[in-house]
Amino acid sequence: MPAPFEYIFYPSKYVPPLGHSQLDICLSTVSTQRFFDMTSVHLPALVDGHLELERVIHHGAAAQAQPICPGRIVMEAHNGDRAEAFSFGGEMTLEAHEDYTIGRITSPAPIFSLGTDMLAPVRLMMDEVLALIAKERARRHNTGEAFWSRLAHLTPYQLFLVMLHTLQVNGASLQGAQQPPEYDLIQTAAQRAVEIVRAQDGWPAAVPTLTEAIEQQAQPSEGRAPG
């Protein structure tokens, strides 16, 4: 039986929409010649203390839920085409069939489709999120395992809020400084996301920046990130 679909982004829980609530991916070993017939998905995962893209393919057997680290999710079609998504962390469960495997990616935080436009605001914002995480790790001179262990104490939703707040704080600190045009797009996208979350979920009284959140994990007695 051929794979029933390629991939599906589920509607956002937010109104207006902010990302997606779930991503289903259908993997097969044989192409059905449909648009974006998928052969594999590459998930950000912690391997021996280092963040790597771990490849998942159709293998015809069930597997345990697989944790996903924050970062890009790369889907690859049989013809070599690629599509990307971004997650603040979560997990993927696998539903095995004889001819295909369905991977269901879920997260307490929105999952974002990155599209093909490299200058789209959502892609620029997620690129900046990854850059801020990389800078924070480099600033601390931590080993990968220590840094990611601290970051893992934040739930995906907590990290989502932390990164939105960090983007806003960084933007405020750079007001008046000359920045590339893309920076205004990032700040506008971050502000829109905060407003949508505040309207539907409420916004915590205190949200730490990424630096503060990592420090809190190093000193748990002094407090934790917002729940």
N, C-alpha and C. Protein backbone atom coordinates (compact mmCIF):
# COMPACT_ATOMS: atom_id res chain seq x y z
N MET A 1 0.85 -1.19 0.00
CA MET A 1 0.00 0.00 0.00
C MET A 1 0.88 1.25 0.00
N PRO A 2 0.64 2.19 -0.90
CA PRO A 2 1.49 3.40 -0.95
C PRO A 2 1.26 4.30 0.24
N ALA A 3 2.24 5.16 0.50
CA ALA A 3 2.12 6.12 1.59
C ALA A 3 0.90 7.00 1.36
N PRO A 4 0.07 7.24 2.39
CA PRO A 4 -1.18 7.97 2.20
C PRO A 4 -1.02 9.48 2.03
N PHE A 5 0.13 10.05 2.45
CA PHE A 5 0.35 11.49 2.31
C PHE A 5 1.84 11.76 2.41
N GLU A 6 2.25 13.01 2.20
CA GLU A 6 3.67 13.38 2.29
C GLU A 6 3.96 13.93 3.68
N TYR A 7 3.47 15.13 3.96
CA TYR A 7 3.56 15.66 5.33
C TYR A 7 2.39 16.61 5.55
N ILE A 8 2.01 16.74 6.82
CA ILE A 8 0.85 17.54 7.18
C ILE A 8 1.19 18.43 8.37
N PHE A 9 1.03 19.74 8.21
CA PHE A 9 1.10 20.67 9.34
C PHE A 9 -0.32 20.86 9.86
N TYR A 10 -0.52 20.59 11.14
CA TYR A 10 -1.84 20.74 11.74
C TYR A 10 -2.09 22.21 12.11
N PRO A 11 -3.36 22.62 12.12
CA PRO A 11 -3.67 24.02 12.41
C PRO A 11 -3.14 24.46 13.78
N SER A 12 -2.83 25.74 13.86
CA SER A 12 -2.36 26.32 15.11
C SER A 12 -3.48 26.35 16.14
N LYS A 13 -3.10 26.27 17.41
CA LYS A 13 -4.11 26.44 18.48
C LYS A 13 -4.41 27.91 18.72
N TYR A 14 -3.59 28.79 18.11
CA TYR A 14 -3.73 30.21 18.34
C TYR A 14 -4.56 30.87 17.24
N VAL A 15 -5.25 31.95 17.63
CA VAL A 15 -5.99 32.79 16.69
C VAL A 15 -5.59 34.24 16.95
N PRO A 16 -4.99 34.91 15.95
CA PRO A 16 -4.60 34.41 14.63
C PRO A 16 -3.52 33.34 14.74
N PRO A 17 -3.32 32.56 13.67
CA PRO A 17 -2.41 31.42 13.74
C PRO A 17 -0.97 31.83 14.07
N LEU A 18 -0.35 31.01 14.89
CA LEU A 18 1.06 31.16 15.24
C LEU A 18 1.69 29.77 15.19
N GLY A 19 2.38 29.49 14.09
CA GLY A 19 2.96 28.16 13.92
C GLY A 19 1.88 27.10 13.76
N HIS A 20 2.22 25.87 14.16
CA HIS A 20 1.32 24.73 13.99
C HIS A 20 1.36 23.87 15.25
N SER A 21 0.29 23.10 15.46
CA SER A 21 0.17 22.30 16.68
C SER A 21 0.83 20.93 16.56
N GLN A 22 1.05 20.45 15.34
CA GLN A 22 1.62 19.11 15.14
C GLN A 22 2.11 19.00 13.70
N LEU A 23 3.09 18.13 13.49
CA LEU A 23 3.59 17.85 12.15
C LEU A 23 3.65 16.34 11.97
N ASP A 24 2.92 15.83 10.98
CA ASP A 24 2.98 14.41 10.62
C ASP A 24 3.79 14.25 9.34
N ILE A 25 4.66 13.25 9.35
CA ILE A 25 5.55 13.00 8.21
C ILE A 25 5.40 11.55 7.81
N CYS A 26 5.23 11.28 6.53
CA CYS A 26 5.09 9.92 6.04
C CYS A 26 6.35 9.52 5.27
N LEU A 27 7.04 8.50 5.75
CA LEU A 27 8.31 8.05 5.17
C LEU A 27 8.12 6.73 4.45
N SER A 28 8.75 6.61 3.28
CA SER A 28 8.67 5.36 2.52
C SER A 28 10.02 5.08 1.86
N THR A 29 10.23 3.83 1.51
CA THR A 29 11.48 3.45 0.83
C THR A 29 11.36 3.53 -0.68
N VAL A 30 10.12 3.51 -1.18
CA VAL A 30 9.89 3.54 -2.63
C VAL A 30 9.03 4.75 -2.97
N SER A 31 9.46 5.53 -3.94
CA SER A 31 8.70 6.72 -4.32
C SER A 31 7.41 6.34 -5.04
N THR A 32 6.35 7.11 -4.76
CA THR A 32 5.08 6.94 -5.48
C THR A 32 4.92 8.00 -6.56
N GLN A 33 6.00 8.79 -6.79
CA GLN A 33 6.03 9.83 -7.82
C GLN A 33 5.07 10.97 -7.53
N ARG A 34 4.66 11.10 -6.27
CA ARG A 34 3.83 12.24 -5.91
C ARG A 34 4.73 13.40 -5.50
N PHE A 35 4.11 14.58 -5.39
CA PHE A 35 4.85 15.75 -4.95
C PHE A 35 5.42 15.51 -3.55
N PHE A 36 6.70 15.76 -3.39
CA PHE A 36 7.42 15.64 -2.13
C PHE A 36 7.16 14.31 -1.42
N ASP A 37 7.36 13.23 -2.14
CA ASP A 37 7.31 11.89 -1.58
C ASP A 37 8.52 11.72 -0.67
N MET A 38 8.32 11.50 0.61
CA MET A 38 9.42 11.61 1.55
C MET A 38 10.14 10.30 1.84
N THR A 39 11.47 10.40 1.90
CA THR A 39 12.29 9.24 2.21
C THR A 39 12.89 9.29 3.61
N SER A 40 13.12 10.51 4.15
CA SER A 40 13.73 10.61 5.47
C SER A 40 13.43 11.96 6.11
N VAL A 41 13.63 12.00 7.42
CA VAL A 41 13.53 13.26 8.16
C VAL A 41 14.73 13.32 9.10
N HIS A 42 15.32 14.49 9.20
CA HIS A 42 16.50 14.70 10.05
C HIS A 42 16.06 15.56 11.25
N LEU A 43 16.22 15.01 12.45
CA LEU A 43 15.75 15.65 13.67
C LEU A 43 16.93 16.10 14.53
N PRO A 44 16.85 17.30 15.13
CA PRO A 44 17.92 17.72 16.05
C PRO A 44 17.88 16.86 17.31
N ALA A 45 18.99 16.22 17.62
CA ALA A 45 19.07 15.32 18.77
C ALA A 45 20.43 15.45 19.42
N LEU A 46 20.48 15.17 20.71
CA LEU A 46 21.75 15.23 21.44
C LEU A 46 22.42 13.87 21.36
N VAL A 47 23.59 13.86 20.74
CA VAL A 47 24.35 12.61 20.56
C VAL A 47 25.73 12.81 21.17
N ASP A 48 26.02 12.06 22.25
CA ASP A 48 27.32 12.16 22.93
C ASP A 48 27.66 13.61 23.30
N GLY A 49 26.64 14.35 23.77
CA GLY A 49 26.88 15.71 24.21
C GLY A 49 26.92 16.75 23.12
N HIS A 50 26.68 16.34 21.87
CA HIS A 50 26.71 17.27 20.75
C HIS A 50 25.37 17.26 20.04
N LEU A 51 24.93 18.43 19.61
CA LEU A 51 23.67 18.53 18.88
C LEU A 51 23.90 18.13 17.43
N GLU A 52 23.19 17.12 16.97
CA GLU A 52 23.34 16.63 15.60
C GLU A 52 21.96 16.41 14.98
N LEU A 53 21.92 16.35 13.65
CA LEU A 53 20.70 15.98 12.95
C LEU A 53 20.68 14.46 12.78
N GLU A 54 19.74 13.83 13.44
CA GLU A 54 19.63 12.37 13.41
C GLU A 54 18.63 11.96 12.33
N ARG A 55 19.06 11.07 11.44
CA ARG A 55 18.23 10.67 10.30
C ARG A 55 17.28 9.55 10.68
N VAL A 56 16.00 9.72 10.32
CA VAL A 56 14.98 8.71 10.56
C VAL A 56 14.39 8.31 9.22
N ILE A 57 14.28 7.00 8.98
CA ILE A 57 13.73 6.48 7.73
C ILE A 57 12.64 5.45 8.04
N HIS A 58 11.96 4.99 6.99
CA HIS A 58 10.98 3.91 7.15
C HIS A 58 11.73 2.61 7.41
N HIS A 59 11.37 1.94 8.50
CA HIS A 59 12.04 0.67 8.80
C HIS A 59 11.06 -0.44 9.12
N GLY A 60 9.77 -0.15 9.06
CA GLY A 60 8.78 -1.20 9.20
C GLY A 60 8.62 -1.76 10.60
N ALA A 61 9.17 -1.09 11.58
CA ALA A 61 9.06 -1.58 12.96
C ALA A 61 8.73 -0.41 13.88
N ALA A 62 7.96 -0.71 14.92
CA ALA A 62 7.59 0.33 15.87
C ALA A 62 8.81 0.73 16.70
N ALA A 63 8.78 1.94 17.23
CA ALA A 63 9.88 2.43 18.05
C ALA A 63 9.32 3.32 19.15
N GLN A 64 10.11 3.52 20.20
CA GLN A 64 9.69 4.38 21.29
C GLN A 64 9.68 5.83 20.83
N ALA A 65 8.95 6.65 21.59
CA ALA A 65 8.94 8.08 21.30
C ALA A 65 10.36 8.62 21.36
N GLN A 66 10.70 9.46 20.40
CA GLN A 66 12.05 10.00 20.29
C GLN A 66 12.04 11.47 20.66
N PRO A 67 12.83 11.88 21.68
CA PRO A 67 12.87 13.30 22.03
C PRO A 67 13.54 14.12 20.93
N ILE A 68 13.07 15.35 20.78
CA ILE A 68 13.60 16.26 19.77
C ILE A 68 14.15 17.49 20.48
N CYS A 69 15.36 17.88 20.14
CA CYS A 69 15.95 19.09 20.70
C CYS A 69 15.47 20.32 19.92
N PRO A 70 15.63 21.50 20.46
CA PRO A 70 15.28 22.70 19.71
C PRO A 70 16.11 22.81 18.44
N GLY A 71 15.47 23.19 17.34
CA GLY A 71 16.21 23.38 16.10
C GLY A 71 15.40 23.04 14.87
N ARG A 72 16.09 23.00 13.74
CA ARG A 72 15.43 22.74 12.46
C ARG A 72 15.15 21.25 12.28
N ILE A 73 14.00 20.97 11.69
CA ILE A 73 13.62 19.63 11.27
C ILE A 73 13.68 19.63 9.75
N VAL A 74 14.49 18.75 9.17
CA VAL A 74 14.72 18.75 7.73
C VAL A 74 14.08 17.50 7.12
N MET A 75 13.13 17.71 6.22
CA MET A 75 12.45 16.60 5.54
C MET A 75 13.01 16.48 4.13
N GLU A 76 13.32 15.26 3.72
CA GLU A 76 13.96 15.04 2.42
C GLU A 76 13.12 14.11 1.56
N ALA A 77 12.84 14.57 0.33
CA ALA A 77 12.05 13.78 -0.62
C ALA A 77 12.95 12.82 -1.41
N HIS A 78 12.32 11.86 -2.06
CA HIS A 78 13.07 10.89 -2.87
C HIS A 78 13.86 11.55 -3.98
N ASN A 79 13.37 12.68 -4.50
CA ASN A 79 14.08 13.36 -5.59
C ASN A 79 15.13 14.35 -5.11
N GLY A 80 15.35 14.40 -3.78
CA GLY A 80 16.37 15.28 -3.23
C GLY A 80 15.85 16.62 -2.74
N ASP A 81 14.59 16.96 -3.04
CA ASP A 81 14.02 18.21 -2.54
C ASP A 81 13.93 18.17 -1.02
N ARG A 82 13.97 19.36 -0.42
CA ARG A 82 13.92 19.45 1.04
C ARG A 82 12.87 20.45 1.48
N ALA A 83 12.30 20.20 2.64
CA ALA A 83 11.41 21.14 3.32
C ALA A 83 11.85 21.20 4.77
N GLU A 84 11.67 22.35 5.40
CA GLU A 84 12.15 22.52 6.76
C GLU A 84 11.07 23.04 7.69
N ALA A 85 11.19 22.63 8.94
CA ALA A 85 10.34 23.14 10.01
C ALA A 85 11.25 23.50 11.18
N PHE A 86 10.67 24.17 12.17
CA PHE A 86 11.43 24.52 13.37
C PHE A 86 10.60 24.16 14.59
N SER A 87 11.26 23.52 15.57
CA SER A 87 10.61 23.16 16.82
C SER A 87 11.45 23.65 17.99
N PHE A 88 10.77 24.04 19.06
CA PHE A 88 11.47 24.40 20.30
C PHE A 88 11.69 23.18 21.19
N GLY A 89 11.53 22.00 20.61
CA GLY A 89 11.67 20.75 21.33
C GLY A 89 10.34 20.02 21.36
N GLY A 90 10.38 18.75 21.66
CA GLY A 90 9.17 17.93 21.69
C GLY A 90 9.54 16.48 21.53
N GLU A 91 8.69 15.74 20.83
CA GLU A 91 9.00 14.34 20.58
C GLU A 91 8.35 13.87 19.29
N MET A 92 8.90 12.79 18.75
CA MET A 92 8.31 12.16 17.57
C MET A 92 7.99 10.71 17.90
N THR A 93 6.76 10.32 17.65
CA THR A 93 6.36 8.92 17.77
C THR A 93 6.22 8.34 16.38
N LEU A 94 6.52 7.06 16.26
CA LEU A 94 6.50 6.40 14.96
C LEU A 94 5.38 5.36 14.91
N GLU A 95 4.62 5.41 13.83
CA GLU A 95 3.55 4.45 13.57
C GLU A 95 3.96 3.64 12.34
N ALA A 96 4.35 2.39 12.55
CA ALA A 96 4.94 1.59 11.48
C ALA A 96 3.89 0.82 10.69
N HIS A 97 4.01 0.85 9.36
CA HIS A 97 3.22 0.05 8.45
C HIS A 97 4.17 -0.72 7.54
N GLU A 98 3.64 -1.65 6.79
CA GLU A 98 4.52 -2.48 5.95
C GLU A 98 5.29 -1.65 4.94
N ASP A 99 4.62 -0.70 4.28
CA ASP A 99 5.25 0.04 3.20
C ASP A 99 5.63 1.47 3.56
N TYR A 100 5.25 1.92 4.74
CA TYR A 100 5.58 3.30 5.12
C TYR A 100 5.54 3.43 6.64
N THR A 101 6.11 4.50 7.12
CA THR A 101 6.11 4.83 8.55
C THR A 101 5.63 6.27 8.70
N ILE A 102 4.72 6.48 9.63
CA ILE A 102 4.24 7.83 9.91
C ILE A 102 4.91 8.32 11.19
N GLY A 103 5.59 9.45 11.08
CA GLY A 103 6.19 10.09 12.25
C GLY A 103 5.32 11.26 12.67
N ARG A 104 4.92 11.27 13.94
CA ARG A 104 4.08 12.35 14.46
C ARG A 104 4.90 13.19 15.43
N ILE A 105 5.14 14.44 15.05
CA ILE A 105 5.94 15.35 15.85
C ILE A 105 5.00 16.29 16.62
N THR A 106 5.12 16.25 17.95
CA THR A 106 4.27 17.07 18.80
C THR A 106 5.16 17.89 19.75
N SER A 107 4.61 19.01 20.21
CA SER A 107 5.35 19.89 21.10
C SER A 107 4.36 20.79 21.84
N PRO A 108 4.67 21.14 23.09
CA PRO A 108 3.83 22.12 23.80
C PRO A 108 3.95 23.52 23.21
N ALA A 109 5.01 23.76 22.43
CA ALA A 109 5.22 25.05 21.78
C ALA A 109 4.85 24.94 20.30
N PRO A 110 4.56 26.06 19.66
CA PRO A 110 4.25 25.99 18.22
C PRO A 110 5.40 25.40 17.41
N ILE A 111 5.03 24.68 16.37
CA ILE A 111 5.98 24.16 15.38
C ILE A 111 5.84 25.04 14.14
N PHE A 112 6.95 25.53 13.62
CA PHE A 112 6.89 26.49 12.53
C PHE A 112 7.34 25.88 11.21
N SER A 113 6.55 26.10 10.16
CA SER A 113 6.97 25.76 8.80
C SER A 113 7.86 26.89 8.29
N LEU A 114 9.05 26.54 7.79
CA LEU A 114 10.00 27.57 7.38
C LEU A 114 9.87 27.97 5.92
N GLY A 115 9.17 27.19 5.12
CA GLY A 115 8.98 27.56 3.72
C GLY A 115 10.29 27.62 2.95
N THR A 116 10.25 28.24 1.78
CA THR A 116 11.44 28.30 0.91
C THR A 116 12.02 29.71 0.81
N ASP A 117 11.31 30.71 1.34
CA ASP A 117 11.78 32.09 1.27
C ASP A 117 12.77 32.33 2.40
N MET A 118 14.05 32.51 2.06
CA MET A 118 15.09 32.67 3.08
C MET A 118 14.95 33.99 3.84
N LEU A 119 14.17 34.93 3.31
CA LEU A 119 13.99 36.23 3.97
C LEU A 119 12.60 36.37 4.59
N ALA A 120 11.85 35.27 4.67
CA ALA A 120 10.55 35.32 5.32
C ALA A 120 10.75 35.61 6.81
N PRO A 121 9.89 36.44 7.42
CA PRO A 121 10.09 36.81 8.83
C PRO A 121 10.21 35.63 9.77
N VAL A 122 9.39 34.57 9.57
CA VAL A 122 9.46 33.44 10.50
C VAL A 122 10.80 32.72 10.39
N ARG A 123 11.34 32.60 9.18
CA ARG A 123 12.65 31.95 9.03
C ARG A 123 13.74 32.83 9.64
N LEU A 124 13.68 34.11 9.39
CA LEU A 124 14.67 35.01 9.97
C LEU A 124 14.64 34.95 11.50
N MET A 125 13.42 34.89 12.07
CA MET A 125 13.30 34.85 13.52
C MET A 125 13.87 33.55 14.08
N MET A 126 13.59 32.41 13.44
CA MET A 126 14.11 31.14 13.94
C MET A 126 15.63 31.04 13.74
N ASP A 127 16.14 31.63 12.66
CA ASP A 127 17.60 31.68 12.48
C ASP A 127 18.24 32.47 13.62
N GLU A 128 17.58 33.56 14.01
CA GLU A 128 18.10 34.39 15.10
C GLU A 128 18.03 33.63 16.43
N VAL A 129 16.97 32.86 16.63
CA VAL A 129 16.86 32.04 17.85
C VAL A 129 18.04 31.08 17.94
N LEU A 130 18.35 30.39 16.84
CA LEU A 130 19.48 29.45 16.84
C LEU A 130 20.80 30.18 17.06
N ALA A 131 20.93 31.38 16.48
CA ALA A 131 22.17 32.15 16.65
C ALA A 131 22.34 32.56 18.10
N LEU A 132 21.25 32.96 18.77
CA LEU A 132 21.33 33.36 20.17
C LEU A 132 21.70 32.19 21.06
N ILE A 133 21.14 31.02 20.77
CA ILE A 133 21.49 29.82 21.55
C ILE A 133 22.97 29.48 21.36
N ALA A 134 23.44 29.56 20.12
CA ALA A 134 24.85 29.25 19.84
C ALA A 134 25.78 30.25 20.54
N LYS A 135 25.41 31.53 20.54
CA LYS A 135 26.23 32.55 21.20
C LYS A 135 26.27 32.33 22.71
N GLU A 136 25.13 31.94 23.28
CA GLU A 136 25.09 31.71 24.73
C GLU A 136 25.98 30.53 25.12
N ARG A 137 25.95 29.50 24.32
CA ARG A 137 26.81 28.35 24.62
C ARG A 137 28.28 28.74 24.49
N ALA A 138 28.63 29.48 23.44
CA ALA A 138 30.02 29.88 23.23
C ALA A 138 30.49 30.81 24.34
N ARG A 139 29.60 31.70 24.79
CA ARG A 139 29.97 32.66 25.83
C ARG A 139 30.33 31.97 27.14
N ARG A 140 29.68 30.87 27.41
CA ARG A 140 29.88 30.17 28.67
C ARG A 140 31.04 29.17 28.62
N HIS A 141 31.55 28.90 27.44
CA HIS A 141 32.64 27.93 27.28
C HIS A 141 32.25 26.57 27.86
N ASN A 142 30.95 26.27 27.82
CA ASN A 142 30.49 24.98 28.34
C ASN A 142 30.75 23.87 27.34
N THR A 143 30.92 22.67 27.85
CA THR A 143 30.88 21.53 26.95
C THR A 143 29.46 21.40 26.43
N GLY A 144 29.29 20.76 25.29
CA GLY A 144 27.96 20.61 24.73
C GLY A 144 27.01 19.93 25.68
N GLU A 145 27.51 18.88 26.35
CA GLU A 145 26.63 18.11 27.23
C GLU A 145 26.13 18.95 28.39
N ALA A 146 27.00 19.76 29.01
CA ALA A 146 26.59 20.59 30.15
C ALA A 146 25.58 21.65 29.71
N PHE A 147 25.86 22.30 28.59
CA PHE A 147 24.97 23.37 28.14
C PHE A 147 23.60 22.81 27.79
N TRP A 148 23.56 21.75 26.99
CA TRP A 148 22.28 21.22 26.56
C TRP A 148 21.51 20.57 27.71
N SER A 149 22.24 20.08 28.72
CA SER A 149 21.58 19.54 29.90
C SER A 149 20.83 20.65 30.63
N ARG A 150 21.45 21.82 30.74
CA ARG A 150 20.77 22.96 31.37
C ARG A 150 19.58 23.41 30.54
N LEU A 151 19.78 23.50 29.24
CA LEU A 151 18.69 23.95 28.37
C LEU A 151 17.52 22.98 28.41
N ALA A 152 17.82 21.69 28.57
CA ALA A 152 16.78 20.66 28.57
C ALA A 152 15.87 20.76 29.79
N HIS A 153 16.30 21.49 30.83
CA HIS A 153 15.43 21.67 31.99
C HIS A 153 14.26 22.59 31.68
N LEU A 154 14.37 23.34 30.60
CA LEU A 154 13.25 24.16 30.15
C LEU A 154 12.34 23.32 29.28
N THR A 155 11.03 23.39 29.51
CA THR A 155 10.12 22.74 28.59
C THR A 155 10.13 23.48 27.26
N PRO A 156 9.69 22.86 26.18
CA PRO A 156 9.63 23.58 24.90
C PRO A 156 8.83 24.88 24.99
N TYR A 157 7.74 24.87 25.74
CA TYR A 157 6.95 26.10 25.86
C TYR A 157 7.70 27.16 26.65
N GLN A 158 8.39 26.76 27.71
CA GLN A 158 9.20 27.71 28.46
C GLN A 158 10.28 28.32 27.58
N LEU A 159 10.97 27.48 26.79
CA LEU A 159 12.01 27.98 25.91
C LEU A 159 11.43 28.92 24.86
N PHE A 160 10.26 28.61 24.36
CA PHE A 160 9.57 29.48 23.40
C PHE A 160 9.38 30.88 23.99
N LEU A 161 8.86 30.95 25.22
CA LEU A 161 8.66 32.25 25.86
C LEU A 161 10.00 32.94 26.13
N VAL A 162 10.97 32.19 26.60
CA VAL A 162 12.29 32.75 26.89
C VAL A 162 12.90 33.37 25.64
N MET A 163 12.80 32.68 24.52
CA MET A 163 13.42 33.18 23.29
C MET A 163 12.68 34.40 22.75
N LEU A 164 11.35 34.42 22.85
CA LEU A 164 10.60 35.61 22.43
C LEU A 164 11.01 36.82 23.27
N HIS A 165 11.12 36.61 24.58
CA HIS A 165 11.53 37.70 25.46
C HIS A 165 12.97 38.15 25.16
N THR A 166 13.85 37.19 24.92
CA THR A 166 15.25 37.52 24.61
C THR A 166 15.35 38.32 23.32
N LEU A 167 14.57 37.95 22.33
CA LEU A 167 14.55 38.71 21.08
C LEU A 167 14.13 40.15 21.32
N GLN A 168 13.11 40.33 22.16
CA GLN A 168 12.63 41.69 22.45
C GLN A 168 13.67 42.50 23.23
N VAL A 169 14.30 41.88 24.22
CA VAL A 169 15.31 42.57 25.01
C VAL A 169 16.48 42.98 24.13
N ASN A 170 16.93 42.08 23.28
CA ASN A 170 18.03 42.40 22.37
C ASN A 170 17.64 43.53 21.42
N GLY A 171 16.40 43.49 20.93
CA GLY A 171 15.94 44.54 20.04
C GLY A 171 15.93 45.89 20.72
N ALA A 172 15.46 45.93 21.97
CA ALA A 172 15.42 47.19 22.71
C ALA A 172 16.83 47.74 22.95
N SER A 173 17.79 46.85 23.20
CA SER A 173 19.15 47.29 23.48
C SER A 173 19.84 47.85 22.24
N LEU A 174 19.33 47.50 21.07
CA LEU A 174 19.97 47.93 19.83
C LEU A 174 19.20 49.06 19.14
N GLN A 175 18.19 49.58 19.79
CA GLN A 175 17.43 50.68 19.18
C GLN A 175 18.35 51.86 18.92
N GLY A 176 18.24 52.41 17.73
CA GLY A 176 19.07 53.54 17.35
C GLY A 176 20.36 53.14 16.67
N ALA A 177 20.78 51.89 16.85
CA ALA A 177 22.00 51.41 16.18
C ALA A 177 21.65 50.99 14.76
N GLN A 178 22.60 51.09 13.88
CA GLN A 178 22.37 50.71 12.49
C GLN A 178 22.34 49.19 12.38
N GLN A 179 21.24 48.68 11.85
CA GLN A 179 21.05 47.25 11.71
C GLN A 179 20.59 46.94 10.28
N PRO A 180 20.84 45.72 9.80
CA PRO A 180 20.34 45.34 8.47
C PRO A 180 18.82 45.34 8.44
N PRO A 181 18.21 45.54 7.27
CA PRO A 181 16.74 45.61 7.17
C PRO A 181 16.05 44.38 7.74
N GLU A 182 16.70 43.23 7.66
CA GLU A 182 16.08 42.00 8.15
C GLU A 182 15.80 42.07 9.66
N TYR A 183 16.58 42.89 10.37
CA TYR A 183 16.43 42.94 11.82
C TYR A 183 15.06 43.49 12.21
N ASP A 184 14.56 44.46 11.46
CA ASP A 184 13.22 44.99 11.75
C ASP A 184 12.16 43.92 11.54
N LEU A 185 12.34 43.06 10.55
CA LEU A 185 11.39 41.98 10.31
C LEU A 185 11.38 41.01 11.49
N ILE A 186 12.56 40.72 12.04
CA ILE A 186 12.65 39.80 13.18
C ILE A 186 11.92 40.40 14.38
N GLN A 187 12.16 41.68 14.65
CA GLN A 187 11.54 42.32 15.80
C GLN A 187 10.02 42.39 15.65
N THR A 188 9.56 42.67 14.44
CA THR A 188 8.11 42.72 14.20
C THR A 188 7.48 41.35 14.40
N ALA A 189 8.15 40.31 13.90
CA ALA A 189 7.64 38.94 14.04
C ALA A 189 7.61 38.52 15.51
N ALA A 190 8.65 38.88 16.26
CA ALA A 190 8.69 38.54 17.68
C ALA A 190 7.60 39.26 18.45
N GLN A 191 7.39 40.54 18.17
CA GLN A 191 6.35 41.30 18.85
C GLN A 191 4.97 40.74 18.55
N ARG A 192 4.74 40.37 17.29
CA ARG A 192 3.45 39.78 16.92
C ARG A 192 3.22 38.48 17.68
N ALA A 193 4.26 37.64 17.78
CA ALA A 193 4.13 36.36 18.49
C ALA A 193 3.81 36.59 19.96
N VAL A 194 4.47 37.56 20.59
CA VAL A 194 4.21 37.86 22.00
C VAL A 194 2.76 38.31 22.18
N GLU A 195 2.28 39.15 21.30
CA GLU A 195 0.90 39.65 21.42
C GLU A 195 -0.12 38.53 21.27
N ILE A 196 0.16 37.59 20.35
CA ILE A 196 -0.78 36.47 20.16
C ILE A 196 -0.78 35.57 21.39
N VAL A 197 0.41 35.25 21.92
CA VAL A 197 0.49 34.40 23.10
C VAL A 197 -0.17 35.09 24.30
N ARG A 198 0.11 36.38 24.47
CA ARG A 198 -0.46 37.12 25.60
C ARG A 198 -1.99 37.11 25.54
N ALA A 199 -2.55 37.28 24.34
CA ALA A 199 -4.00 37.35 24.20
C ALA A 199 -4.67 36.01 24.51
N GLN A 200 -4.00 34.90 24.20
CA GLN A 200 -4.64 33.59 24.37
C GLN A 200 -4.20 32.87 25.63
N ASP A 201 -2.91 32.88 25.94
CA ASP A 201 -2.40 32.14 27.09
C ASP A 201 -2.21 33.04 28.31
N GLY A 202 -2.11 34.33 28.08
CA GLY A 202 -1.61 35.21 29.12
C GLY A 202 -0.09 35.20 29.07
N TRP A 203 0.52 36.23 29.61
CA TRP A 203 1.99 36.31 29.62
C TRP A 203 2.46 36.29 31.06
N PRO A 204 3.42 35.43 31.41
CA PRO A 204 3.88 35.37 32.81
C PRO A 204 4.38 36.72 33.30
N ALA A 205 4.28 36.93 34.62
CA ALA A 205 4.71 38.19 35.21
C ALA A 205 6.21 38.41 35.01
N ALA A 206 6.97 37.33 35.01
CA ALA A 206 8.43 37.44 34.83
C ALA A 206 8.91 36.33 33.92
N VAL A 207 9.50 36.70 32.80
CA VAL A 207 10.11 35.75 31.88
C VAL A 207 11.60 36.07 31.79
N PRO A 208 12.47 35.11 32.06
CA PRO A 208 13.90 35.40 31.98
C PRO A 208 14.38 35.47 30.54
N THR A 209 15.50 36.13 30.34
CA THR A 209 16.20 36.04 29.06
C THR A 209 16.87 34.67 29.00
N LEU A 210 17.43 34.32 27.86
CA LEU A 210 18.10 33.04 27.73
C LEU A 210 19.27 32.94 28.72
N THR A 211 20.05 34.01 28.84
CA THR A 211 21.17 34.02 29.78
C THR A 211 20.68 33.76 31.20
N GLU A 212 19.62 34.44 31.61
CA GLU A 212 19.09 34.27 32.96
C GLU A 212 18.53 32.87 33.16
N ALA A 213 17.87 32.33 32.14
CA ALA A 213 17.29 30.99 32.27
C ALA A 213 18.37 29.93 32.45
N ILE A 214 19.47 30.05 31.70
CA ILE A 214 20.57 29.08 31.84
C ILE A 214 21.21 29.20 33.22
N GLU A 215 21.35 30.44 33.71
CA GLU A 215 21.92 30.64 35.04
C GLU A 215 21.02 30.05 36.12
N GLN A 216 19.71 30.14 35.93
CA GLN A 216 18.77 29.55 36.89
C GLN A 216 18.91 28.04 36.96
N GLN A 217 19.22 27.41 35.83
CA GLN A 217 19.39 25.96 35.84
C GLN A 217 20.69 25.57 36.52
N ALA A 218 21.69 26.46 36.48
CA ALA A 218 22.94 26.19 37.18
C ALA A 218 22.79 26.38 38.68
N GLN A 219 21.79 27.22 39.08
CA GLN A 219 21.54 27.50 40.49
C GLN A 219 20.05 27.33 40.76
N PRO A 220 19.56 26.07 40.77
CA PRO A 220 18.12 25.82 40.87
C PRO A 220 17.45 26.38 42.11
N SER A 221 18.23 26.60 43.17
CA SER A 221 17.62 27.12 44.40
C SER A 221 17.18 28.57 44.26
N GLU A 222 17.69 29.26 43.20
CA GLU A 222 17.36 30.67 43.03
C GLU A 222 16.15 30.90 42.12
N GLY A 223 15.51 29.79 41.69
CA GLY A 223 14.30 29.99 40.89
C GLY A 223 14.37 29.25 39.59
N ARG A 224 13.22 29.14 38.95
CA ARG A 224 13.11 28.42 37.71
C ARG A 224 12.45 29.30 36.67
N ALA A 225 12.52 28.86 35.42
CA ALA A 225 11.86 29.57 34.33
C ALA A 225 10.36 29.48 34.48
N PRO A 226 9.61 30.30 33.78
CA PRO A 226 8.15 30.30 33.93
C PRO A 226 7.55 28.98 33.51
N GLY A 227 6.48 28.57 34.14
CA GLY A 227 5.82 27.32 33.82
C GLY A 227 4.77 27.51 32.77
